[in-house]
Amino acid sequence: MKSRSAKITFLFALYAAFHFAEACNKNDESDCDCAEVSPFFDYKKLKVGANTPVASLGLSLKIDADSLTYLANAPAPTDFGVISSAWACSCLWNGHEGPKYGIQSLNIYADRDFNDTLPVGTSLNSLFYQLNGDALYLMQPDYQPNDFLHFESGIRSIEMTTYEKPTELAAPFVFRVEIVKSTGDTLTGETEKVFFL
């Protein structure tokens, strides 16, 4: 009787060891039982929002990618396993790698003269800072997009801030953001009317 109990205990222990070995080995997304996703996305439009009225905290522009399409990816082969490892998996989501095409240039314009040196039709980039995490980066007149100027996963906005105010405060402004993608496509988006105090 002891030998039979010992055999059952040994088999159970062996099964448990195989279970944990296979489950721990399956920590790569390609081994998980995840739905097929498209790693990149593209966008066809922009949504631009602004805080209004603009007081002492300055003007903040929030630029969002709109009309997203996810670009297909070849499915990864899956390995056969008799033991589920769902608890060890971290599945990815559509667009997790970010935009397929980078931003070649970004410019901000106003529908009216901002001041004497920045008439209508002139880029206002030199007035704006780009928010990245906790840091602000000044957009110089010869501003070139960098690695962190992009829409992350299609859900994180690009944010620009200025603490400058126009010479004329009585009438509202409409700000237009123009993005040129690396494909050569030009996309624009406009704010609603923005009032300065």
N, C-alpha and C. Protein backbone atom coordinates (compact mmCIF):
# COMPACT_ATOMS: atom_id res chain seq x y z
N MET A 1 0.82 -1.19 0.00
CA MET A 1 0.00 0.00 0.00
C MET A 1 0.86 1.25 0.00
N LYS A 2 1.96 1.17 0.74
CA LYS A 2 2.85 2.31 0.79
C LYS A 2 3.43 2.62 -0.58
N SER A 3 3.75 1.61 -1.33
CA SER A 3 4.35 1.84 -2.64
C SER A 3 3.34 2.50 -3.59
N ARG A 4 2.08 2.13 -3.49
CA ARG A 4 1.06 2.75 -4.34
C ARG A 4 0.89 4.23 -3.96
N SER A 5 0.82 4.57 -2.69
CA SER A 5 0.72 5.97 -2.24
C SER A 5 1.96 6.75 -2.66
N ALA A 6 3.10 6.12 -2.55
CA ALA A 6 4.34 6.79 -2.95
C ALA A 6 4.34 7.08 -4.44
N LYS A 7 3.83 6.13 -5.25
CA LYS A 7 3.77 6.33 -6.70
C LYS A 7 2.81 7.46 -7.05
N ILE A 8 1.64 7.49 -6.39
CA ILE A 8 0.66 8.56 -6.67
C ILE A 8 1.23 9.91 -6.26
N THR A 9 1.86 9.97 -5.10
CA THR A 9 2.48 11.21 -4.64
C THR A 9 3.58 11.65 -5.59
N PHE A 10 4.40 10.71 -6.03
CA PHE A 10 5.47 11.03 -6.98
C PHE A 10 4.89 11.57 -8.29
N LEU A 11 3.85 10.92 -8.84
CA LEU A 11 3.24 11.37 -10.09
C LEU A 11 2.60 12.75 -9.93
N PHE A 12 1.96 12.98 -8.82
CA PHE A 12 1.36 14.29 -8.56
C PHE A 12 2.44 15.37 -8.48
N ALA A 13 3.53 15.07 -7.78
CA ALA A 13 4.63 16.02 -7.66
C ALA A 13 5.27 16.29 -9.02
N LEU A 14 5.39 15.25 -9.84
CA LEU A 14 5.95 15.40 -11.18
C LEU A 14 5.04 16.27 -12.05
N TYR A 15 3.73 16.03 -11.96
CA TYR A 15 2.76 16.83 -12.71
C TYR A 15 2.84 18.30 -12.29
N ALA A 16 2.90 18.56 -10.98
CA ALA A 16 2.98 19.93 -10.48
C ALA A 16 4.27 20.60 -10.96
N ALA A 17 5.37 19.87 -10.96
CA ALA A 17 6.65 20.43 -11.42
C ALA A 17 6.57 20.79 -12.90
N PHE A 18 5.99 19.90 -13.73
CA PHE A 18 5.82 20.21 -15.15
C PHE A 18 4.89 21.40 -15.35
N HIS A 19 3.84 21.46 -14.56
CA HIS A 19 2.89 22.56 -14.66
C HIS A 19 3.58 23.90 -14.43
N PHE A 20 4.32 24.01 -13.33
CA PHE A 20 4.99 25.27 -13.03
C PHE A 20 6.12 25.57 -13.99
N ALA A 21 6.83 24.56 -14.46
CA ALA A 21 7.91 24.77 -15.42
C ALA A 21 7.37 25.33 -16.72
N GLU A 22 6.29 24.75 -17.22
CA GLU A 22 5.73 25.22 -18.49
C GLU A 22 5.08 26.58 -18.34
N ALA A 23 4.38 26.79 -17.25
CA ALA A 23 3.72 28.08 -17.03
C ALA A 23 4.74 29.20 -16.88
N CYS A 24 5.81 28.94 -16.16
CA CYS A 24 6.84 29.97 -15.98
C CYS A 24 7.59 30.23 -17.26
N ASN A 25 7.72 29.20 -18.09
CA ASN A 25 8.42 29.35 -19.36
C ASN A 25 7.60 30.16 -20.35
N LYS A 26 6.29 30.23 -20.17
CA LYS A 26 5.42 30.93 -21.10
C LYS A 26 5.19 32.35 -20.63
N ASN A 27 6.22 33.18 -20.64
CA ASN A 27 6.05 34.55 -20.23
C ASN A 27 6.21 35.51 -21.41
N ASP A 28 6.35 35.00 -22.60
CA ASP A 28 6.45 35.81 -23.80
C ASP A 28 5.07 35.94 -24.42
N GLU A 29 4.75 37.15 -24.99
CA GLU A 29 3.43 37.37 -25.56
C GLU A 29 3.11 36.40 -26.68
N SER A 30 4.14 35.92 -27.40
CA SER A 30 3.88 35.00 -28.51
C SER A 30 3.43 33.64 -28.01
N ASP A 31 3.70 33.32 -26.74
CA ASP A 31 3.28 32.05 -26.16
C ASP A 31 1.92 32.14 -25.49
N CYS A 32 1.42 33.34 -25.29
CA CYS A 32 0.17 33.53 -24.57
C CYS A 32 -1.02 33.24 -25.47
N ASP A 33 -2.14 32.98 -24.85
CA ASP A 33 -3.38 32.76 -25.58
C ASP A 33 -4.06 34.11 -25.76
N CYS A 34 -3.40 35.01 -26.50
CA CYS A 34 -3.90 36.37 -26.68
C CYS A 34 -4.53 36.50 -28.06
N ALA A 35 -5.45 37.43 -28.19
CA ALA A 35 -6.06 37.70 -29.49
C ALA A 35 -5.01 38.35 -30.40
N GLU A 36 -5.15 38.13 -31.69
CA GLU A 36 -4.22 38.72 -32.65
C GLU A 36 -4.45 40.23 -32.69
N VAL A 37 -3.36 40.99 -32.62
CA VAL A 37 -3.46 42.45 -32.63
C VAL A 37 -2.58 43.02 -33.73
N SER A 38 -2.89 44.26 -34.11
CA SER A 38 -2.08 44.99 -35.08
C SER A 38 -1.19 45.94 -34.31
N PRO A 39 0.13 45.85 -34.48
CA PRO A 39 1.03 46.61 -33.61
C PRO A 39 1.07 48.11 -33.88
N PHE A 40 0.83 48.54 -35.12
CA PHE A 40 0.94 49.96 -35.46
C PHE A 40 -0.43 50.53 -35.79
N PHE A 41 -0.50 51.87 -35.78
CA PHE A 41 -1.73 52.53 -36.22
C PHE A 41 -1.37 53.71 -37.11
N ASP A 42 -2.35 54.17 -37.85
CA ASP A 42 -2.22 55.38 -38.64
C ASP A 42 -3.44 56.24 -38.33
N TYR A 43 -3.35 57.52 -38.59
CA TYR A 43 -4.46 58.43 -38.31
C TYR A 43 -4.65 59.35 -39.51
N LYS A 44 -5.91 59.73 -39.73
CA LYS A 44 -6.27 60.52 -40.90
C LYS A 44 -6.68 61.94 -40.56
N LYS A 45 -6.95 62.22 -39.28
CA LYS A 45 -7.41 63.54 -38.86
C LYS A 45 -6.77 63.90 -37.52
N LEU A 46 -6.91 65.18 -37.18
CA LEU A 46 -6.46 65.68 -35.88
C LEU A 46 -7.62 66.31 -35.14
N LYS A 47 -7.61 66.16 -33.82
CA LYS A 47 -8.53 66.90 -32.96
C LYS A 47 -7.66 67.80 -32.09
N VAL A 48 -8.01 69.08 -32.05
CA VAL A 48 -7.21 70.03 -31.28
C VAL A 48 -8.12 70.73 -30.28
N GLY A 49 -7.75 70.66 -29.02
CA GLY A 49 -8.50 71.32 -27.96
C GLY A 49 -7.64 72.35 -27.25
N ALA A 50 -8.29 73.30 -26.60
CA ALA A 50 -7.58 74.34 -25.87
C ALA A 50 -8.36 74.71 -24.63
N ASN A 51 -7.63 75.09 -23.58
CA ASN A 51 -8.29 75.60 -22.39
C ASN A 51 -8.76 77.02 -22.67
N THR A 52 -9.95 77.34 -22.30
CA THR A 52 -10.49 78.68 -22.53
C THR A 52 -11.51 78.99 -21.44
N PRO A 53 -11.55 80.17 -20.87
CA PRO A 53 -10.68 81.30 -21.20
C PRO A 53 -9.27 81.09 -20.65
N VAL A 54 -8.30 81.73 -21.31
CA VAL A 54 -6.89 81.59 -20.92
C VAL A 54 -6.57 82.67 -19.90
N ALA A 55 -6.17 82.24 -18.72
CA ALA A 55 -5.82 83.18 -17.65
C ALA A 55 -4.32 83.06 -17.37
N SER A 56 -3.93 83.11 -16.11
CA SER A 56 -2.52 83.15 -15.74
C SER A 56 -1.78 81.85 -16.02
N LEU A 57 -2.49 80.73 -16.13
CA LEU A 57 -1.82 79.45 -16.36
C LEU A 57 -1.36 79.26 -17.80
N GLY A 58 -1.73 80.14 -18.68
CA GLY A 58 -1.28 80.07 -20.06
C GLY A 58 -2.21 79.25 -20.95
N LEU A 59 -1.89 79.25 -22.22
CA LEU A 59 -2.67 78.52 -23.22
C LEU A 59 -2.09 77.13 -23.41
N SER A 60 -2.93 76.12 -23.28
CA SER A 60 -2.51 74.73 -23.50
C SER A 60 -3.27 74.16 -24.68
N LEU A 61 -2.55 73.63 -25.64
CA LEU A 61 -3.15 72.94 -26.77
C LEU A 61 -2.97 71.45 -26.59
N LYS A 62 -4.04 70.72 -26.80
CA LYS A 62 -4.02 69.26 -26.69
C LYS A 62 -4.36 68.70 -28.06
N ILE A 63 -3.41 67.97 -28.65
CA ILE A 63 -3.55 67.46 -30.02
C ILE A 63 -3.73 65.95 -29.95
N ASP A 64 -4.82 65.47 -30.53
CA ASP A 64 -5.12 64.04 -30.52
C ASP A 64 -5.18 63.49 -31.94
N ALA A 65 -4.70 62.26 -32.10
CA ALA A 65 -4.86 61.54 -33.37
C ALA A 65 -6.31 61.09 -33.48
N ASP A 66 -6.89 61.27 -34.67
CA ASP A 66 -8.30 60.92 -34.87
C ASP A 66 -8.42 60.06 -36.13
N SER A 67 -9.54 59.35 -36.22
CA SER A 67 -9.80 58.44 -37.35
C SER A 67 -8.67 57.41 -37.48
N LEU A 68 -8.46 56.66 -36.41
CA LEU A 68 -7.38 55.67 -36.38
C LEU A 68 -7.71 54.45 -37.22
N THR A 69 -6.68 53.92 -37.86
CA THR A 69 -6.76 52.61 -38.51
C THR A 69 -5.56 51.81 -38.01
N TYR A 70 -5.80 50.54 -37.73
CA TYR A 70 -4.72 49.69 -37.23
C TYR A 70 -4.15 48.89 -38.38
N LEU A 71 -2.84 48.82 -38.45
CA LEU A 71 -2.17 48.16 -39.57
C LEU A 71 -1.90 46.72 -39.20
N ALA A 72 -2.30 45.83 -40.09
CA ALA A 72 -2.25 44.39 -39.83
C ALA A 72 -0.83 43.90 -39.67
N ASN A 73 -0.73 42.80 -38.96
CA ASN A 73 0.55 42.16 -38.73
C ASN A 73 0.36 40.67 -38.94
N ALA A 74 1.38 39.98 -39.45
CA ALA A 74 1.27 38.54 -39.65
C ALA A 74 1.14 37.85 -38.30
N PRO A 75 0.22 36.89 -38.18
CA PRO A 75 0.06 36.22 -36.89
C PRO A 75 1.29 35.40 -36.53
N ALA A 76 1.61 35.42 -35.26
CA ALA A 76 2.76 34.64 -34.78
C ALA A 76 2.34 33.20 -34.56
N PRO A 77 3.22 32.24 -34.87
CA PRO A 77 2.87 30.84 -34.62
C PRO A 77 2.75 30.60 -33.12
N THR A 78 1.85 29.71 -32.77
CA THR A 78 1.66 29.41 -31.35
C THR A 78 2.18 28.01 -31.06
N ASP A 79 2.73 27.85 -29.89
CA ASP A 79 3.25 26.56 -29.45
C ASP A 79 2.14 25.78 -28.77
N PHE A 80 2.19 24.47 -28.94
CA PHE A 80 1.23 23.61 -28.27
C PHE A 80 1.67 23.38 -26.84
N GLY A 81 0.71 23.44 -25.94
CA GLY A 81 1.01 23.16 -24.53
C GLY A 81 -0.22 22.58 -23.88
N VAL A 82 -0.03 21.61 -23.01
CA VAL A 82 -1.17 20.98 -22.35
C VAL A 82 -1.58 21.75 -21.12
N ILE A 83 -0.80 22.73 -20.72
CA ILE A 83 -1.07 23.46 -19.49
C ILE A 83 -1.31 24.92 -19.82
N SER A 84 -2.37 25.47 -19.32
CA SER A 84 -2.69 26.87 -19.56
C SER A 84 -1.73 27.75 -18.78
N SER A 85 -1.35 28.86 -19.40
CA SER A 85 -0.45 29.79 -18.70
C SER A 85 -0.99 31.20 -18.77
N ALA A 86 -2.31 31.32 -18.83
CA ALA A 86 -2.91 32.64 -18.98
C ALA A 86 -2.51 33.58 -17.85
N TRP A 87 -2.35 33.05 -16.65
CA TRP A 87 -2.02 33.90 -15.51
C TRP A 87 -0.62 34.49 -15.64
N ALA A 88 0.25 33.91 -16.47
CA ALA A 88 1.61 34.41 -16.62
C ALA A 88 1.74 35.35 -17.82
N CYS A 89 0.65 35.59 -18.55
CA CYS A 89 0.70 36.35 -19.80
C CYS A 89 0.40 37.83 -19.59
N SER A 90 0.90 38.61 -20.50
CA SER A 90 0.57 40.03 -20.58
C SER A 90 0.27 40.32 -22.04
N CYS A 91 -1.01 40.30 -22.39
CA CYS A 91 -1.40 40.46 -23.79
C CYS A 91 -1.25 41.92 -24.23
N LEU A 92 -0.91 42.11 -25.48
CA LEU A 92 -0.75 43.44 -26.06
C LEU A 92 -2.08 43.90 -26.64
N TRP A 93 -2.13 45.16 -27.09
CA TRP A 93 -3.36 45.74 -27.60
C TRP A 93 -3.08 46.34 -28.98
N ASN A 94 -4.14 46.61 -29.73
CA ASN A 94 -3.99 47.22 -31.05
C ASN A 94 -3.27 48.56 -30.93
N GLY A 95 -2.26 48.77 -31.78
CA GLY A 95 -1.53 50.02 -31.80
C GLY A 95 -0.49 50.17 -30.72
N HIS A 96 -0.10 49.07 -30.06
CA HIS A 96 0.83 49.17 -28.93
C HIS A 96 2.21 49.69 -29.32
N GLU A 97 2.60 49.56 -30.58
CA GLU A 97 3.91 50.05 -31.03
C GLU A 97 3.88 51.53 -31.41
N GLY A 98 2.69 52.14 -31.45
CA GLY A 98 2.57 53.55 -31.80
C GLY A 98 2.30 53.76 -33.28
N PRO A 99 2.46 55.00 -33.74
CA PRO A 99 2.16 55.31 -35.14
C PRO A 99 3.18 54.69 -36.09
N LYS A 100 2.70 54.23 -37.23
CA LYS A 100 3.57 53.63 -38.23
C LYS A 100 4.46 54.69 -38.88
N TYR A 101 3.92 55.90 -39.03
CA TYR A 101 4.65 56.97 -39.72
C TYR A 101 4.91 58.12 -38.75
N GLY A 102 6.14 58.58 -38.72
CA GLY A 102 6.53 59.65 -37.80
C GLY A 102 6.06 61.01 -38.25
N ILE A 103 6.28 61.99 -37.39
CA ILE A 103 5.93 63.38 -37.69
C ILE A 103 7.16 64.08 -38.24
N GLN A 104 7.01 64.62 -39.43
CA GLN A 104 8.12 65.33 -40.08
C GLN A 104 8.18 66.78 -39.61
N SER A 105 7.02 67.42 -39.46
CA SER A 105 6.98 68.78 -38.95
C SER A 105 5.65 69.06 -38.28
N LEU A 106 5.68 70.02 -37.36
CA LEU A 106 4.47 70.45 -36.65
C LEU A 106 4.54 71.96 -36.53
N ASN A 107 3.45 72.65 -36.91
CA ASN A 107 3.40 74.11 -36.80
C ASN A 107 2.08 74.53 -36.22
N ILE A 108 2.12 75.63 -35.48
CA ILE A 108 0.93 76.20 -34.85
C ILE A 108 0.71 77.60 -35.42
N TYR A 109 -0.52 77.89 -35.83
CA TYR A 109 -0.88 79.18 -36.42
C TYR A 109 -2.11 79.74 -35.71
N ALA A 110 -2.31 81.05 -35.82
CA ALA A 110 -3.51 81.70 -35.31
C ALA A 110 -4.24 82.35 -36.47
N ASP A 111 -5.54 82.56 -36.30
CA ASP A 111 -6.35 83.16 -37.38
C ASP A 111 -6.28 84.68 -37.38
N ARG A 112 -5.54 85.26 -36.42
CA ARG A 112 -5.36 86.70 -36.33
C ARG A 112 -3.92 87.00 -35.96
N ASP A 113 -3.52 88.27 -36.10
CA ASP A 113 -2.18 88.67 -35.68
C ASP A 113 -2.04 88.41 -34.18
N PHE A 114 -0.99 87.71 -33.79
CA PHE A 114 -0.76 87.45 -32.37
C PHE A 114 -0.14 88.68 -31.72
N ASN A 115 0.84 89.26 -32.40
CA ASN A 115 1.44 90.53 -31.98
C ASN A 115 2.10 91.15 -33.21
N ASP A 116 2.87 92.22 -33.00
CA ASP A 116 3.48 92.93 -34.13
C ASP A 116 4.49 92.08 -34.89
N THR A 117 5.17 91.18 -34.21
CA THR A 117 6.20 90.37 -34.86
C THR A 117 5.68 89.01 -35.36
N LEU A 118 4.46 88.66 -34.97
CA LEU A 118 3.87 87.37 -35.38
C LEU A 118 2.50 87.61 -36.02
N PRO A 119 2.51 88.08 -37.28
CA PRO A 119 1.23 88.32 -37.96
C PRO A 119 0.54 87.00 -38.33
N VAL A 120 -0.71 87.11 -38.75
CA VAL A 120 -1.47 85.94 -39.16
C VAL A 120 -0.70 85.20 -40.26
N GLY A 121 -0.68 83.88 -40.20
CA GLY A 121 0.04 83.07 -41.19
C GLY A 121 1.46 82.74 -40.78
N THR A 122 1.95 83.35 -39.70
CA THR A 122 3.29 83.06 -39.21
C THR A 122 3.22 81.95 -38.16
N SER A 123 4.17 81.03 -38.21
CA SER A 123 4.22 79.95 -37.22
C SER A 123 4.46 80.52 -35.83
N LEU A 124 3.68 80.03 -34.86
CA LEU A 124 3.82 80.46 -33.48
C LEU A 124 4.66 79.49 -32.65
N ASN A 125 5.37 78.60 -33.32
CA ASN A 125 6.15 77.58 -32.60
C ASN A 125 7.08 78.16 -31.56
N SER A 126 7.68 79.32 -31.85
CA SER A 126 8.67 79.89 -30.95
C SER A 126 8.08 80.30 -29.60
N LEU A 127 6.75 80.38 -29.52
CA LEU A 127 6.09 80.75 -28.26
C LEU A 127 5.74 79.54 -27.40
N PHE A 128 5.79 78.35 -27.98
CA PHE A 128 5.25 77.17 -27.31
C PHE A 128 6.33 76.25 -26.75
N TYR A 129 5.96 75.60 -25.67
CA TYR A 129 6.76 74.54 -25.06
C TYR A 129 6.03 73.23 -25.30
N GLN A 130 6.81 72.19 -25.52
CA GLN A 130 6.23 70.85 -25.64
C GLN A 130 6.33 70.17 -24.29
N LEU A 131 5.20 69.63 -23.84
CA LEU A 131 5.18 68.92 -22.58
C LEU A 131 5.50 67.45 -22.82
N ASN A 132 6.53 66.95 -22.13
CA ASN A 132 6.88 65.54 -22.20
C ASN A 132 7.16 65.05 -20.79
N GLY A 133 6.21 64.30 -20.24
CA GLY A 133 6.34 63.88 -18.85
C GLY A 133 6.22 65.09 -17.95
N ASP A 134 7.25 65.34 -17.14
CA ASP A 134 7.25 66.49 -16.24
C ASP A 134 8.07 67.65 -16.80
N ALA A 135 8.61 67.50 -17.99
CA ALA A 135 9.52 68.52 -18.54
C ALA A 135 8.86 69.30 -19.68
N LEU A 136 9.25 70.57 -19.81
CA LEU A 136 8.81 71.41 -20.92
C LEU A 136 10.00 71.68 -21.82
N TYR A 137 9.81 71.56 -23.13
CA TYR A 137 10.86 71.80 -24.11
C TYR A 137 10.41 72.92 -25.03
N LEU A 138 11.22 73.97 -25.15
CA LEU A 138 10.87 75.09 -26.00
C LEU A 138 10.96 74.69 -27.46
N MET A 139 9.93 75.04 -28.22
CA MET A 139 9.92 74.77 -29.66
C MET A 139 10.57 75.96 -30.37
N GLN A 140 11.81 75.80 -30.77
CA GLN A 140 12.53 76.86 -31.46
C GLN A 140 11.93 77.09 -32.85
N PRO A 141 12.22 78.27 -33.48
CA PRO A 141 11.69 78.52 -34.82
C PRO A 141 12.09 77.45 -35.85
N ASP A 142 13.27 76.87 -35.69
CA ASP A 142 13.71 75.81 -36.60
C ASP A 142 13.43 74.43 -35.99
N TYR A 143 12.34 74.36 -35.27
CA TYR A 143 11.96 73.15 -34.53
C TYR A 143 11.87 71.92 -35.43
N GLN A 144 12.52 70.86 -34.99
CA GLN A 144 12.45 69.57 -35.68
C GLN A 144 11.87 68.56 -34.69
N PRO A 145 10.87 67.80 -35.12
CA PRO A 145 10.31 66.80 -34.21
C PRO A 145 11.37 65.82 -33.73
N ASN A 146 11.20 65.36 -32.50
CA ASN A 146 12.15 64.43 -31.92
C ASN A 146 11.45 63.10 -31.64
N ASP A 147 12.17 62.21 -31.01
CA ASP A 147 11.66 60.87 -30.78
C ASP A 147 10.40 60.83 -29.92
N PHE A 148 10.23 61.79 -29.02
CA PHE A 148 9.07 61.72 -28.14
C PHE A 148 7.89 62.54 -28.65
N LEU A 149 7.99 63.14 -29.85
CA LEU A 149 6.85 63.85 -30.43
C LEU A 149 6.05 62.87 -31.28
N HIS A 150 5.16 62.16 -30.66
CA HIS A 150 4.28 61.25 -31.37
C HIS A 150 3.11 60.87 -30.47
N PHE A 151 2.09 60.33 -31.08
CA PHE A 151 0.92 59.88 -30.34
C PHE A 151 1.18 58.46 -29.86
N GLU A 152 1.27 58.27 -28.56
CA GLU A 152 1.55 56.94 -28.03
C GLU A 152 0.28 56.09 -28.01
N SER A 153 0.32 55.00 -28.74
CA SER A 153 -0.77 54.02 -28.78
C SER A 153 -2.08 54.62 -29.24
N GLY A 154 -2.05 55.80 -29.84
CA GLY A 154 -3.27 56.42 -30.32
C GLY A 154 -4.12 57.01 -29.23
N ILE A 155 -3.66 56.94 -27.99
CA ILE A 155 -4.49 57.43 -26.89
C ILE A 155 -3.83 58.58 -26.13
N ARG A 156 -2.54 58.72 -26.24
CA ARG A 156 -1.87 59.80 -25.52
C ARG A 156 -1.72 61.01 -26.42
N SER A 157 -2.12 62.15 -25.91
CA SER A 157 -2.10 63.39 -26.69
C SER A 157 -0.70 63.99 -26.76
N ILE A 158 -0.52 64.87 -27.74
CA ILE A 158 0.64 65.76 -27.78
C ILE A 158 0.17 67.06 -27.16
N GLU A 159 0.93 67.58 -26.20
CA GLU A 159 0.52 68.80 -25.51
C GLU A 159 1.55 69.90 -25.70
N MET A 160 1.05 71.09 -26.03
CA MET A 160 1.88 72.28 -26.22
C MET A 160 1.34 73.39 -25.33
N THR A 161 2.24 74.17 -24.74
CA THR A 161 1.83 75.23 -23.81
C THR A 161 2.61 76.50 -24.10
N THR A 162 1.91 77.65 -23.98
CA THR A 162 2.58 78.94 -24.04
C THR A 162 2.06 79.82 -22.92
N TYR A 163 2.95 80.68 -22.42
CA TYR A 163 2.56 81.62 -21.37
C TYR A 163 2.47 83.03 -21.94
N GLU A 164 2.65 83.15 -23.25
CA GLU A 164 2.53 84.45 -23.92
C GLU A 164 1.06 84.73 -24.23
N LYS A 165 0.72 86.04 -24.23
CA LYS A 165 -0.64 86.45 -24.58
C LYS A 165 -0.56 87.38 -25.78
N PRO A 166 -1.62 87.38 -26.60
CA PRO A 166 -1.61 88.26 -27.77
C PRO A 166 -1.73 89.73 -27.35
N THR A 167 -1.36 90.60 -28.28
CA THR A 167 -1.46 92.04 -28.00
C THR A 167 -2.91 92.45 -27.81
N GLU A 168 -3.78 91.96 -28.67
CA GLU A 168 -5.20 92.30 -28.63
C GLU A 168 -5.97 91.18 -27.93
N LEU A 169 -6.57 91.49 -26.80
CA LEU A 169 -7.27 90.48 -26.02
C LEU A 169 -8.78 90.50 -26.22
N ALA A 170 -9.30 91.51 -26.90
CA ALA A 170 -10.76 91.67 -26.97
C ALA A 170 -11.44 90.59 -27.80
N ALA A 171 -10.86 90.21 -28.92
CA ALA A 171 -11.50 89.25 -29.82
C ALA A 171 -10.94 87.85 -29.61
N PRO A 172 -11.75 86.82 -29.87
CA PRO A 172 -11.27 85.44 -29.70
C PRO A 172 -10.30 85.03 -30.81
N PHE A 173 -9.51 84.01 -30.51
CA PHE A 173 -8.56 83.44 -31.47
C PHE A 173 -8.99 82.01 -31.80
N VAL A 174 -8.66 81.57 -32.99
CA VAL A 174 -8.75 80.16 -33.36
C VAL A 174 -7.34 79.73 -33.74
N PHE A 175 -6.85 78.67 -33.09
CA PHE A 175 -5.51 78.18 -33.37
C PHE A 175 -5.60 76.94 -34.25
N ARG A 176 -4.70 76.89 -35.23
CA ARG A 176 -4.65 75.76 -36.18
C ARG A 176 -3.32 75.05 -36.02
N VAL A 177 -3.39 73.74 -35.90
CA VAL A 177 -2.18 72.91 -35.82
C VAL A 177 -2.05 72.15 -37.13
N GLU A 178 -0.86 72.21 -37.70
CA GLU A 178 -0.58 71.52 -38.96
C GLU A 178 0.54 70.51 -38.73
N ILE A 179 0.26 69.27 -39.05
CA ILE A 179 1.26 68.20 -38.93
C ILE A 179 1.53 67.62 -40.30
N VAL A 180 2.80 67.50 -40.64
CA VAL A 180 3.21 66.81 -41.87
C VAL A 180 3.84 65.49 -41.45
N LYS A 181 3.25 64.39 -41.91
CA LYS A 181 3.77 63.07 -41.56
C LYS A 181 4.92 62.70 -42.49
N SER A 182 5.67 61.68 -42.12
CA SER A 182 6.81 61.25 -42.93
C SER A 182 6.38 60.73 -44.29
N THR A 183 5.10 60.44 -44.46
CA THR A 183 4.57 60.03 -45.77
C THR A 183 4.34 61.22 -46.69
N GLY A 184 4.43 62.44 -46.14
CA GLY A 184 4.16 63.65 -46.91
C GLY A 184 2.74 64.15 -46.73
N ASP A 185 1.87 63.37 -46.07
CA ASP A 185 0.49 63.80 -45.83
C ASP A 185 0.47 64.95 -44.83
N THR A 186 -0.37 65.96 -45.12
CA THR A 186 -0.52 67.11 -44.23
C THR A 186 -1.89 67.05 -43.58
N LEU A 187 -1.92 67.09 -42.27
CA LEU A 187 -3.17 67.07 -41.51
C LEU A 187 -3.28 68.35 -40.70
N THR A 188 -4.49 68.88 -40.61
CA THR A 188 -4.71 70.08 -39.81
C THR A 188 -5.91 69.88 -38.88
N GLY A 189 -5.87 70.61 -37.79
CA GLY A 189 -6.98 70.63 -36.84
C GLY A 189 -7.04 71.99 -36.20
N GLU A 190 -8.26 72.44 -35.85
CA GLU A 190 -8.45 73.76 -35.27
C GLU A 190 -9.13 73.68 -33.92
N THR A 191 -8.81 74.65 -33.08
CA THR A 191 -9.48 74.77 -31.79
C THR A 191 -10.82 75.45 -32.00
N GLU A 192 -11.65 75.40 -30.99
CA GLU A 192 -12.82 76.28 -30.93
C GLU A 192 -12.29 77.69 -30.64
N LYS A 193 -13.16 78.65 -30.51
CA LYS A 193 -12.73 80.02 -30.19
C LYS A 193 -12.09 80.05 -28.80
N VAL A 194 -10.94 80.70 -28.75
CA VAL A 194 -10.17 80.80 -27.49
C VAL A 194 -10.19 82.25 -27.04
N PHE A 195 -10.57 82.48 -25.79
CA PHE A 195 -10.62 83.82 -25.23
C PHE A 195 -9.51 84.00 -24.22
N PHE A 196 -8.83 85.14 -24.31
CA PHE A 196 -7.77 85.48 -23.36
C PHE A 196 -8.28 86.52 -22.36
N LEU A 197 -7.86 86.40 -21.12
CA LEU A 197 -8.25 87.35 -20.07
C LEU A 197 -7.08 88.26 -19.72
